[in-house]
Protein backbone atom coordinates (compact mmCIF):
# COMPACT_ATOMS: atom_id res chain seq x y z
CA MET A 1 46.03 -37.33 -99.17
CA PRO A 2 46.44 -40.62 -101.05
CA SER A 3 44.24 -43.48 -99.83
CA ALA A 4 47.37 -45.59 -99.16
CA ALA A 5 48.69 -42.97 -96.70
CA ARG A 6 47.80 -42.49 -93.05
CA GLY A 7 49.49 -39.12 -92.96
CA ALA A 8 52.67 -37.33 -93.82
CA LEU A 9 55.97 -37.66 -91.97
CA VAL A 10 57.55 -34.26 -91.35
CA GLN A 11 61.09 -34.31 -92.75
CA ARG A 12 62.10 -30.68 -92.30
CA VAL A 13 60.56 -27.43 -91.13
CA SER A 14 62.13 -24.16 -92.21
CA ALA A 15 62.97 -21.57 -89.55
CA LEU A 16 61.73 -18.86 -91.92
CA PRO A 17 58.18 -17.60 -91.28
CA ASP A 18 57.10 -18.46 -94.83
CA GLY A 19 59.62 -21.27 -95.29
CA PRO A 20 58.86 -24.75 -96.55
CA LEU A 21 57.40 -27.66 -94.67
CA ASP A 22 58.90 -30.80 -96.23
CA VAL A 23 56.96 -34.06 -95.78
CA THR A 24 56.80 -37.57 -97.20
CA TRP A 25 53.74 -39.78 -97.30
CA LEU A 26 53.50 -42.29 -94.47
CA ALA A 27 52.02 -45.61 -95.59
CA VAL A 28 49.03 -47.05 -93.76
CA GLU A 29 51.06 -50.12 -92.73
CA ALA A 30 54.01 -48.01 -91.49
CA PRO A 31 55.20 -48.84 -87.96
CA ARG A 32 54.86 -46.52 -84.98
CA LEU A 33 56.52 -43.13 -85.30
CA PRO A 34 60.19 -43.03 -84.32
CA LEU A 35 61.24 -40.96 -81.31
CA GLY A 36 60.99 -37.25 -82.00
CA ARG A 37 59.25 -37.57 -85.38
CA ILE A 38 55.97 -35.84 -86.25
CA ARG A 39 53.09 -37.18 -88.35
CA LEU A 40 50.55 -34.79 -89.88
CA HIS A 41 47.08 -35.79 -90.99
CA TRP A 42 44.58 -33.51 -92.69
CA GLU A 43 41.15 -33.84 -94.16
CA PRO A 44 38.49 -31.40 -95.34
CA ALA A 45 36.62 -29.75 -92.46
CA SER A 46 32.85 -30.07 -92.34
CA LEU A 47 32.11 -26.44 -93.27
CA ALA A 48 35.31 -24.95 -94.67
CA GLY A 49 39.07 -25.36 -94.51
CA TRP A 50 40.96 -28.37 -93.17
CA ASP A 51 41.03 -30.35 -89.94
CA VAL A 52 44.73 -30.86 -89.27
CA THR A 53 46.24 -33.00 -86.49
CA ALA A 54 49.83 -33.68 -85.48
CA HIS A 55 51.17 -36.67 -83.53
CA LEU A 56 54.61 -36.95 -81.93
CA GLY A 57 56.60 -40.15 -81.56
CA LEU A 58 57.90 -40.77 -78.04
CA ALA A 59 60.08 -43.62 -76.74
CA THR A 60 57.20 -46.05 -76.19
CA THR A 61 54.14 -44.46 -77.79
CA GLU A 62 52.69 -41.77 -80.04
CA VAL A 63 50.92 -38.78 -78.51
CA HIS A 64 48.53 -36.20 -79.88
CA LEU A 65 50.61 -33.06 -80.26
CA ALA A 66 48.11 -30.53 -81.62
CA SER A 67 44.92 -29.98 -83.60
CA TRP A 68 43.96 -27.16 -85.88
CA PRO A 69 40.23 -27.56 -86.66
CA ALA A 70 38.87 -25.76 -89.72
CA ALA A 71 42.30 -24.36 -90.59
CA PRO A 72 42.43 -22.15 -93.68
CA ASP A 73 43.75 -23.39 -97.01
CA ASP A 74 47.22 -22.05 -96.18
CA TRP A 75 47.34 -24.26 -93.05
CA PRO A 76 51.03 -25.23 -93.48
CA ARG A 77 51.87 -21.61 -92.66
CA LEU A 78 49.71 -21.87 -89.53
CA VAL A 79 51.20 -25.13 -88.20
CA ARG A 80 54.85 -24.43 -89.13
CA PRO A 81 55.82 -22.48 -85.95
CA THR A 82 54.56 -25.26 -83.66
CA LEU A 83 56.28 -28.00 -85.64
CA HIS A 84 59.55 -26.03 -85.82
CA GLU A 85 59.60 -25.49 -82.03
CA VAL A 86 58.75 -29.10 -81.18
CA LEU A 87 61.41 -30.49 -83.54
CA GLY A 88 63.96 -28.09 -82.02
CA LEU A 89 63.02 -29.23 -78.53
CA CYS A 90 63.30 -32.91 -79.54
CA ALA A 91 66.76 -32.28 -81.02
CA ALA A 92 67.89 -30.51 -77.83
CA LEU A 93 66.60 -33.38 -75.68
CA ALA A 94 68.44 -35.90 -77.87
CA VAL A 95 71.72 -33.99 -77.41
CA ALA A 96 71.16 -33.74 -73.65
CA THR A 97 70.39 -37.46 -73.42
CA ALA A 98 73.53 -38.35 -75.40
CA ALA A 99 75.62 -36.10 -73.14
CA LEU A 100 74.21 -37.74 -70.01
CA ASP A 101 74.85 -41.22 -71.44
CA LEU A 102 78.44 -40.27 -72.23
CA SER A 103 78.90 -38.78 -68.76
CA ASN A 104 77.60 -41.96 -67.15
CA ARG A 105 79.93 -44.14 -69.25
CA LEU A 106 82.95 -41.98 -68.40
CA ALA A 107 82.07 -42.09 -64.69
CA HIS A 108 82.44 -45.87 -64.79
CA VAL A 109 85.82 -45.88 -66.57
């Protein structure tokens, strides 16, 4: 990971078991994660593999989503199912929130 990055912002996660995990570097001075976005950070583990962590942006804060200590070198394959499910859940919650907002506006018309 470049020294000017504090992690990688997940852009897209394939639904395929061996599909790609697309990320962009997130600068150290980048603001808090936007709602529903995931930041990955990885560094070499003390004995072997990689210590990988994921954080999720919520409305007012970031939360620790998951950790994969000493993950093997093919760790993107390991973390992909979790990231795919969380991003799907965030998208579903966004649609439900928009539907409720619209329903509330129409109730006051």
